[in-house]
């Protein structure tokens, strides 16, 4: 079984920027970086869906989800 390697948020953002700004294909960037084309296409898709905060780390929430969670906790405490 192959365990996926975790990539830093900045690495993902830089890879996506190579596609968006330099006009390279996602497959070409994946080859250049030595990652799976499927992974690269997934990163591009995540970025398209939410360019403000596309790659939240495991265990972390997007800002609006975090605010909602905090409000739920405050409500529960009251």
C-alpha atoms as a PDB file:
ATOM      1  CA  UNK A   1       0.000   0.000   0.000  1.00  0.00           C
ATOM      2  CA  UNK A   2       1.342   3.430  -0.965  1.00  0.00           C
ATOM      3  CA  UNK A   3       0.786   6.162   1.595  1.00  0.00           C
ATOM      4  CA  UNK A   4       0.196   9.584   0.017  1.00  0.00           C
ATOM      5  CA  UNK A   5       2.897  12.130   0.757  1.00  0.00           C
ATOM      6  CA  UNK A   6       1.637  15.309   2.419  1.00  0.00           C
ATOM      7  CA  UNK A   7       2.551  18.463   0.524  1.00  0.00           C
ATOM      8  CA  UNK A   8       2.897  21.890   2.093  1.00  0.00           C
ATOM      9  CA  UNK A   9       0.253  24.488   1.302  1.00  0.00           C
ATOM     10  CA  UNK A  10       2.841  26.786  -0.295  1.00  0.00           C
ATOM     11  CA  UNK A  11       4.052  23.982  -2.554  1.00  0.00           C
ATOM     12  CA  UNK A  12       0.498  23.386  -3.762  1.00  0.00           C
ATOM     13  CA  UNK A  13      -0.137  27.100  -4.312  1.00  0.00           C
ATOM     14  CA  UNK A  14       3.106  27.483  -6.270  1.00  0.00           C
ATOM     15  CA  UNK A  15       2.226  24.483  -8.425  1.00  0.00           C
ATOM     16  CA  UNK A  16      -1.247  25.860  -9.161  1.00  0.00           C
ATOM     17  CA  UNK A  17       0.235  29.273  -9.978  1.00  0.00           C
ATOM     18  CA  UNK A  18       2.498  27.606 -12.548  1.00  0.00           C
ATOM     19  CA  UNK A  19      -0.665  26.400 -14.271  1.00  0.00           C
ATOM     20  CA  UNK A  20      -2.658  29.611 -13.862  1.00  0.00           C
ATOM     21  CA  UNK A  21       0.009  32.260 -14.544  1.00  0.00           C
ATOM     22  CA  UNK A  22       2.532  30.526 -16.766  1.00  0.00           C
ATOM     23  CA  UNK A  23      -0.066  28.799 -18.908  1.00  0.00           C
ATOM     24  CA  UNK A  24       1.472  25.362 -18.442  1.00  0.00           C
ATOM     25  CA  UNK A  25      -0.800  22.346 -18.437  1.00  0.00           C
ATOM     26  CA  UNK A  26      -1.491  20.640 -15.141  1.00  0.00           C
ATOM     27  CA  UNK A  27       0.006  17.438 -16.558  1.00  0.00           C
ATOM     28  CA  UNK A  28       3.226  19.228 -17.537  1.00  0.00           C
ATOM     29  CA  UNK A  29       3.580  20.835 -14.098  1.00  0.00           C
ATOM     30  CA  UNK A  30       2.952  17.438 -12.487  1.00  0.00           C
ATOM     31  CA  UNK A  31       5.746  15.888 -14.578  1.00  0.00           C
ATOM     32  CA  UNK A  32       8.085  18.777 -13.787  1.00  0.00           C
ATOM     33  CA  UNK A  33       7.434  18.423 -10.050  1.00  0.00           C
ATOM     34  CA  UNK A  34       7.393  14.631  -9.992  1.00  0.00           C
ATOM     35  CA  UNK A  35       3.843  14.298  -8.734  1.00  0.00           C
ATOM     36  CA  UNK A  36       0.795  12.485 -10.035  1.00  0.00           C
ATOM     37  CA  UNK A  37      -1.194  14.323 -12.719  1.00  0.00           C
ATOM     38  CA  UNK A  38      -4.353  13.317 -10.839  1.00  0.00           C
ATOM     39  CA  UNK A  39      -3.018  15.069  -7.735  1.00  0.00           C
ATOM     40  CA  UNK A  40      -2.151  18.193  -9.706  1.00  0.00           C
ATOM     41  CA  UNK A  41      -5.575  18.316 -11.364  1.00  0.00           C
ATOM     42  CA  UNK A  42      -7.169  17.962  -7.916  1.00  0.00           C
ATOM     43  CA  UNK A  43      -5.173  20.916  -6.607  1.00  0.00           C
ATOM     44  CA  UNK A  44      -6.224  23.050  -9.563  1.00  0.00           C
ATOM     45  CA  UNK A  45      -9.853  22.071  -8.964  1.00  0.00           C
ATOM     46  CA  UNK A  46      -9.658  22.908  -5.240  1.00  0.00           C
ATOM     47  CA  UNK A  47      -8.156  26.281  -6.144  1.00  0.00           C
ATOM     48  CA  UNK A  48     -10.931  26.993  -8.664  1.00  0.00           C
ATOM     49  CA  UNK A  49     -13.599  26.136  -6.084  1.00  0.00           C
ATOM     50  CA  UNK A  50     -12.127  28.414  -3.406  1.00  0.00           C
ATOM     51  CA  UNK A  51      -9.183  30.614  -4.425  1.00  0.00           C
ATOM     52  CA  UNK A  52      -9.208  32.456  -1.071  1.00  0.00           C
ATOM     53  CA  UNK A  53      -8.465  29.417   1.102  1.00  0.00           C
ATOM     54  CA  UNK A  54      -8.086  26.386  -1.161  1.00  0.00           C
ATOM     55  CA  UNK A  55      -5.776  24.192   0.919  1.00  0.00           C
ATOM     56  CA  UNK A  56      -6.679  24.049   4.569  1.00  0.00           C
ATOM     57  CA  UNK A  57      -4.564  21.576   6.471  1.00  0.00           C
ATOM     58  CA  UNK A  58      -5.931  18.432   8.047  1.00  0.00           C
ATOM     59  CA  UNK A  59      -7.746  19.226  11.231  1.00  0.00           C
ATOM     60  CA  UNK A  60      -8.270  22.843  10.181  1.00  0.00           C
ATOM     61  CA  UNK A  61     -11.384  24.506   8.862  1.00  0.00           C
ATOM     62  CA  UNK A  62     -11.967  27.234   6.324  1.00  0.00           C
ATOM     63  CA  UNK A  63     -12.504  30.630   8.005  1.00  0.00           C
ATOM     64  CA  UNK A  64     -16.293  30.655   7.597  1.00  0.00           C
ATOM     65  CA  UNK A  65     -16.623  27.092   8.898  1.00  0.00           C
ATOM     66  CA  UNK A  66     -14.391  27.962  11.866  1.00  0.00           C
ATOM     67  CA  UNK A  67     -16.538  30.999  12.710  1.00  0.00           C
ATOM     68  CA  UNK A  68     -19.679  28.876  12.479  1.00  0.00           C
ATOM     69  CA  UNK A  69     -18.176  26.256  14.794  1.00  0.00           C
ATOM     70  CA  UNK A  70     -17.263  28.920  17.345  1.00  0.00           C
ATOM     71  CA  UNK A  71     -20.805  30.317  17.240  1.00  0.00           C
ATOM     72  CA  UNK A  72     -22.227  26.829  17.754  1.00  0.00           C
ATOM     73  CA  UNK A  73     -19.993  26.346  20.794  1.00  0.00           C
ATOM     74  CA  UNK A  74     -20.995  29.733  22.205  1.00  0.00           C
ATOM     75  CA  UNK A  75     -24.662  28.894  21.654  1.00  0.00           C
ATOM     76  CA  UNK A  76     -24.227  25.573  23.394  1.00  0.00           C
ATOM     77  CA  UNK A  77     -22.521  27.234  26.367  1.00  0.00           C
ATOM     78  CA  UNK A  78     -25.351  29.760  26.730  1.00  0.00           C
END
